[in-house]
């Protein structure tokens, strides 16, 4: 796959897939969550969607795949880091009371961002080699 396609797939993970998965009654419309937590969730979704749109523009209009990969890589790596820090702030990537698919002991909500990080790394590497 080309660097542009790899970066695009990674950008669509947090710019489209995650918002689709979170605008529902387990996240944005979860009345068990404090209003302030729902506010932060919507803020995060809007910020990430905006960053993904910026990344797509960088990739397809400006040809700046490395910068788009750095931005997208940080957004997705942050999910993995937040999962690792979960015990510090008593947070979890899995929805309380819900079931979560896992791969190699990692929740799917960590596996997908980790794959996206790898896509961004591959995109940056391929772009750098092409230059």
Protein backbone atom coordinates (compact mmCIF):
# COMPACT_ATOMS: atom_id res chain seq x y z
CA UNK A 1 0.00 0.00 0.00
CA UNK A 2 1.13 3.51 -0.66
CA UNK A 3 2.07 5.88 2.15
CA UNK A 4 -1.01 7.99 1.38
CA UNK A 5 -3.36 5.02 1.70
CA UNK A 6 -1.73 3.83 4.95
CA UNK A 7 -2.02 7.30 6.48
CA UNK A 8 -5.60 7.67 5.24
CA UNK A 9 -6.68 4.41 6.86
CA UNK A 10 -5.13 5.50 10.16
CA UNK A 11 -6.78 8.91 9.98
CA UNK A 12 -10.18 7.38 9.28
CA UNK A 13 -9.88 5.25 12.43
CA UNK A 14 -10.04 8.23 14.78
CA UNK A 15 -11.75 10.67 12.43
CA UNK A 16 -14.68 8.48 11.47
CA UNK A 17 -14.73 5.00 13.05
CA UNK A 18 -14.33 6.05 16.68
CA UNK A 19 -16.99 8.80 16.50
CA UNK A 20 -19.40 6.33 14.89
CA UNK A 21 -18.71 3.89 17.74
CA UNK A 22 -19.03 6.50 20.52
CA UNK A 23 -22.10 8.54 19.56
CA UNK A 24 -24.50 6.23 21.35
CA UNK A 25 -25.86 5.45 24.80
CA UNK A 26 -22.61 3.94 26.08
CA UNK A 27 -20.64 7.17 25.58
CA UNK A 28 -22.04 10.52 24.38
CA UNK A 29 -25.61 9.79 25.51
CA UNK A 30 -24.71 7.74 28.59
CA UNK A 31 -26.87 9.28 31.33
CA UNK A 32 -24.83 7.40 33.97
CA UNK A 33 -21.84 9.56 33.10
CA UNK A 34 -21.55 13.02 34.67
CA UNK A 35 -22.44 15.84 32.27
CA UNK A 36 -18.86 17.07 32.44
CA UNK A 37 -17.52 13.66 31.32
CA UNK A 38 -19.93 13.63 28.35
CA UNK A 39 -18.78 17.17 27.50
CA UNK A 40 -15.15 16.02 27.45
CA UNK A 41 -16.06 13.02 25.28
CA UNK A 42 -17.78 15.22 22.67
CA UNK A 43 -14.90 17.71 22.83
CA UNK A 44 -12.41 14.88 22.23
CA UNK A 45 -14.44 13.50 19.32
CA UNK A 46 -14.70 16.93 17.66
CA UNK A 47 -11.00 17.64 18.19
CA UNK A 48 -9.95 14.29 16.80
CA UNK A 49 -12.29 14.59 13.80
CA UNK A 50 -10.82 18.02 13.07
CA UNK A 51 -7.28 16.67 13.37
CA UNK A 52 -8.17 13.80 11.03
CA UNK A 53 -9.59 16.26 8.49
CA UNK A 54 -6.38 18.30 8.77
CA UNK A 55 -4.38 15.11 8.30
CA UNK A 56 -6.34 14.15 5.20
CA UNK A 57 -5.71 17.61 3.76
CA UNK A 58 -1.99 17.30 4.56
CA UNK A 59 -1.83 13.89 2.88
CA UNK A 60 -3.90 14.50 -0.23
CA UNK A 61 -3.46 18.24 -0.92
CA UNK A 62 -0.07 19.13 0.54
CA UNK A 63 1.65 15.75 0.27
CA UNK A 64 2.95 16.12 3.84
CA UNK A 65 2.50 12.50 4.85
CA UNK A 66 5.14 12.60 7.60
CA UNK A 67 3.41 15.47 9.41
CA UNK A 68 -0.01 13.83 9.06
CA UNK A 69 1.45 10.56 10.35
CA UNK A 70 3.01 12.34 13.34
CA UNK A 71 -0.30 13.99 14.26
CA UNK A 72 -2.33 10.82 13.75
CA UNK A 73 0.28 8.68 15.45
CA UNK A 74 0.15 10.85 18.55
CA UNK A 75 -3.66 10.78 18.70
CA UNK A 76 -3.73 6.98 18.48
CA UNK A 77 -0.66 6.43 20.71
CA UNK A 78 -2.45 8.52 23.34
CA UNK A 79 -5.14 5.83 23.57
CA UNK A 80 -2.49 3.19 24.22
CA UNK A 81 -0.74 5.43 26.77
CA UNK A 82 -4.03 6.24 28.52
CA UNK A 83 -4.71 2.49 28.75
CA UNK A 84 -1.28 1.94 30.30
CA UNK A 85 -1.87 4.75 32.81
CA UNK A 86 -5.37 3.47 33.66
CA UNK A 87 -4.34 2.13 37.08
CA UNK A 88 -2.99 5.57 38.04
CA UNK A 89 -6.32 7.38 37.53
CA UNK A 90 -8.64 4.35 37.84
CA UNK A 91 -9.65 4.46 34.19
CA UNK A 92 -10.42 1.72 31.73
CA UNK A 93 -10.68 1.42 27.97
CA UNK A 94 -13.58 -1.00 28.41
CA UNK A 95 -17.12 0.09 29.16
CA UNK A 96 -18.13 -0.86 32.70
CA UNK A 97 -20.51 -3.78 32.59
CA UNK A 98 -19.93 -4.35 28.89
CA UNK A 99 -18.07 -7.07 27.11
CA UNK A 100 -14.89 -6.38 25.25
CA UNK A 101 -13.16 -8.38 22.56
CA UNK A 102 -9.47 -8.97 23.22
CA UNK A 103 -6.48 -10.01 21.17
CA UNK A 104 -3.35 -11.33 22.90
CA UNK A 105 -4.75 -10.06 26.20
CA UNK A 106 -5.23 -6.51 24.91
CA UNK A 107 -8.74 -5.06 24.66
CA UNK A 108 -9.84 -4.41 21.08
CA UNK A 109 -10.11 -0.72 22.05
CA UNK A 110 -6.31 -0.75 22.42
CA UNK A 111 -5.50 -3.13 19.54
CA UNK A 112 -7.14 -0.92 16.89
CA UNK A 113 -5.26 2.26 17.95
CA UNK A 114 -2.04 0.25 18.16
CA UNK A 115 -2.58 -0.98 14.59
CA UNK A 116 -3.26 2.64 13.54
CA UNK A 117 0.07 3.70 15.12
CA UNK A 118 1.79 1.00 13.06
CA UNK A 119 0.00 2.23 9.92
CA UNK A 120 1.23 5.78 10.58
CA UNK A 121 4.78 4.54 11.18
CA UNK A 122 4.68 2.55 7.93
CA UNK A 123 3.27 5.55 6.04
CA UNK A 124 6.01 7.85 7.35
CA UNK A 125 8.69 5.25 6.58
CA UNK A 126 7.40 4.63 3.02
CA UNK A 127 7.10 8.38 2.38
CA UNK A 128 10.63 9.00 3.63
CA UNK A 129 12.02 6.19 1.46
CA UNK A 130 10.19 7.57 -1.58
CA UNK A 131 11.78 10.98 -1.05
